[in-house]
C-alpha atoms as a PDB file:
ATOM      1  CA  MET A   1      29.390  29.445 -14.365  1.00  0.00           C
ATOM      2  CA  SER A   2      25.748  29.066 -13.329  1.00  0.00           C
ATOM      3  CA  VAL A   3      24.804  26.929 -10.373  1.00  0.00           C
ATOM      4  CA  LEU A   4      21.088  26.971 -11.181  1.00  0.00           C
ATOM      5  CA  PRO A   5      19.855  25.192 -14.261  1.00  0.00           C
ATOM      6  CA  SER A   6      18.528  27.262 -17.131  1.00  0.00           C
ATOM      7  CA  THR A   7      14.785  27.516 -17.692  1.00  0.00           C
ATOM      8  CA  GLN A   8      14.937  24.916 -20.425  1.00  0.00           C
ATOM      9  CA  GLY A   9      17.194  22.665 -18.363  1.00  0.00           C
ATOM     10  CA  HIS A  10      14.923  23.032 -15.365  1.00  0.00           C
ATOM     11  CA  ALA A  11      11.820  22.131 -17.439  1.00  0.00           C
ATOM     12  CA  ALA A  12      13.561  19.107 -18.949  1.00  0.00           C
ATOM     13  CA  PHE A  13      14.736  17.988 -15.527  1.00  0.00           C
ATOM     14  CA  ARG A  14      11.197  18.373 -14.083  1.00  0.00           C
ATOM     15  CA  ASN A  15       9.611  16.453 -16.967  1.00  0.00           C
ATOM     16  CA  ASN A  16      12.199  13.628 -16.646  1.00  0.00           C
ATOM     17  CA  LEU A  17      11.571  13.449 -12.930  1.00  0.00           C
ATOM     18  CA  LEU A  18       7.806  13.346 -13.428  1.00  0.00           C
ATOM     19  CA  GLN A  19       8.126  10.530 -15.934  1.00  0.00           C
ATOM     20  CA  LYS A  20      10.266   8.488 -13.559  1.00  0.00           C
ATOM     21  CA  LEU A  21       7.843   9.084 -10.732  1.00  0.00           C
ATOM     22  CA  GLN A  22       4.897   8.025 -12.888  1.00  0.00           C
ATOM     23  CA  GLN A  23       6.740   4.794 -13.700  1.00  0.00           C
ATOM     24  CA  THR A  24       7.568   3.942 -10.125  1.00  0.00           C
ATOM     25  CA  ILE A  25       4.411   4.992  -8.281  1.00  0.00           C
ATOM     26  CA  LEU A  26       2.473   2.023  -6.929  1.00  0.00           C
ATOM     27  CA  LYS A  27      -1.005   2.097  -8.280  1.00  0.00           C
ATOM     28  CA  LEU A  28      -3.782   0.996  -5.983  1.00  0.00           C
ATOM     29  CA  VAL A  29      -5.673  -1.513  -8.076  1.00  0.00           C
ATOM     30  CA  ARG A  30      -8.457  -2.248  -5.666  1.00  0.00           C
ATOM     31  CA  CYS A  31      -9.224  -1.415  -2.092  1.00  0.00           C
ATOM     32  CA  PRO A  32      -9.964  -4.618  -0.192  1.00  0.00           C
ATOM     33  CA  THR A  33     -12.253  -4.214   2.791  1.00  0.00           C
ATOM     34  CA  LEU A  34     -12.327  -6.359   5.857  1.00  0.00           C
ATOM     35  CA  GLY A  35     -16.000  -5.923   6.498  1.00  0.00           C
ATOM     36  CA  TYR A  36     -17.147  -5.505  10.093  1.00  0.00           C
ATOM     37  CA  LEU A  37     -15.600  -6.904  13.243  1.00  0.00           C
ATOM     38  CA  ASP A  38     -18.061  -9.022  15.182  1.00  0.00           C
ATOM     39  CA  PRO A  39     -18.128  -8.213  18.001  1.00  0.00           C
ATOM     40  CA  PRO A  40     -17.120  -4.566  17.335  1.00  0.00           C
ATOM     41  CA  HIS A  41     -13.841  -3.394  18.760  1.00  0.00           C
ATOM     42  CA  SER A  42     -14.158  -0.784  21.504  1.00  0.00           C
ATOM     43  CA  PRO A  43     -11.967   2.303  21.029  1.00  0.00           C
ATOM     44  CA  ARG A  44     -11.155   2.103  24.770  1.00  0.00           C
ATOM     45  CA  ASP A  45      -9.686  -1.385  24.367  1.00  0.00           C
ATOM     46  CA  ARG A  46      -5.938  -0.774  23.778  1.00  0.00           C
ATOM     47  CA  ARG A  47      -5.173  -4.417  22.923  1.00  0.00           C
ATOM     48  CA  PRO A  48      -4.353  -5.270  19.296  1.00  0.00           C
ATOM     49  CA  ARG A  49      -7.358  -6.699  17.480  1.00  0.00           C
ATOM     50  CA  LEU A  50      -5.880  -7.641  14.087  1.00  0.00           C
ATOM     51  CA  ASP A  51      -2.791  -9.538  13.006  1.00  0.00           C
ATOM     52  CA  ILE A  52      -1.796  -8.433   9.501  1.00  0.00           C
ATOM     53  CA  ALA A  53       0.948 -10.158   7.492  1.00  0.00           C
ATOM     54  CA  PHE A  54       2.204  -8.878   4.155  1.00  0.00           C
ATOM     55  CA  GLY A  55       4.045 -10.677   1.381  1.00  0.00           C
ATOM     56  CA  VAL A  56       4.762 -10.465  -2.348  1.00  0.00           C
ATOM     57  CA  ASN A  57       3.581 -13.178  -4.703  1.00  0.00           C
ATOM     58  CA  ALA A  58       5.168 -14.450  -7.915  1.00  0.00           C
ATOM     59  CA  GLU A  59       3.191 -11.939 -10.030  1.00  0.00           C
ATOM     60  CA  ARG A  60       4.616  -9.031  -7.965  1.00  0.00           C
ATOM     61  CA  TRP A  61       1.472  -8.289  -6.036  1.00  0.00           C
ATOM     62  CA  LEU A  62       1.611  -7.095  -2.441  1.00  0.00           C
ATOM     63  CA  ILE A  63      -0.637  -9.562  -0.615  1.00  0.00           C
ATOM     64  CA  ALA A  64      -2.184  -9.411   2.830  1.00  0.00           C
ATOM     65  CA  THR A  65      -3.425 -11.998   5.304  1.00  0.00           C
ATOM     66  CA  VAL A  66      -5.611 -10.576   8.128  1.00  0.00           C
ATOM     67  CA  ARG A  67      -6.599 -12.459  11.253  1.00  0.00           C
ATOM     68  CA  ASP A  68      -8.984 -11.319  13.995  1.00  0.00           C
ATOM     69  CA  LEU A  69      -7.144 -11.965  17.268  1.00  0.00           C
ATOM     70  CA  LEU A  70     -10.332 -11.999  19.329  1.00  0.00           C
ATOM     71  CA  THR A  71     -12.364 -14.540  17.321  1.00  0.00           C
ATOM     72  CA  HIS A  72      -9.353 -16.284  15.701  1.00  0.00           C
ATOM     73  CA  LYS A  73     -11.022 -15.915  12.295  1.00  0.00           C
ATOM     74  CA  GLU A  74      -9.073 -15.309   9.155  1.00  0.00           C
ATOM     75  CA  LEU A  75     -10.632 -12.315   7.463  1.00  0.00           C
ATOM     76  CA  MET A  76      -8.377 -12.256   4.387  1.00  0.00           C
ATOM     77  CA  HIS A  77      -5.950 -14.881   3.076  1.00  0.00           C
ATOM     78  CA  GLN A  78      -3.169 -13.767   0.748  1.00  0.00           C
ATOM     79  CA  GLU A  79      -5.481 -11.185  -0.849  1.00  0.00           C
ATOM     80  CA  PRO A  80      -3.853  -9.007  -3.529  1.00  0.00           C
ATOM     81  CA  VAL A  81      -3.739  -5.360  -2.430  1.00  0.00           C
ATOM     82  CA  VAL A  82      -1.374  -3.454  -4.735  1.00  0.00           C
ATOM     83  CA  ARG A  83       0.453  -4.364  -7.944  1.00  0.00           C
ATOM     84  CA  LEU A  84       4.162  -3.621  -7.609  1.00  0.00           C
ATOM     85  CA  LEU A  85       5.853  -2.300 -10.732  1.00  0.00           C
END
């Protein structure tokens, strides 16, 4: 009795696994940018600068809301980031 799959069995297993991965991988639809922080954030400042909240909308999009903690401005509001399959 063989513990390792045969060459054909291994290839079929690999192809099946690749198909499943392709179906479940989240595809990045667009890359939202925040723009520039004004004033810029100093790398020496260890305090958090952004508050980021994530959610999922009715159309199965991962959405993000981003708020600048220094200026109290909302940089993004429920902006779609990635489509969930």
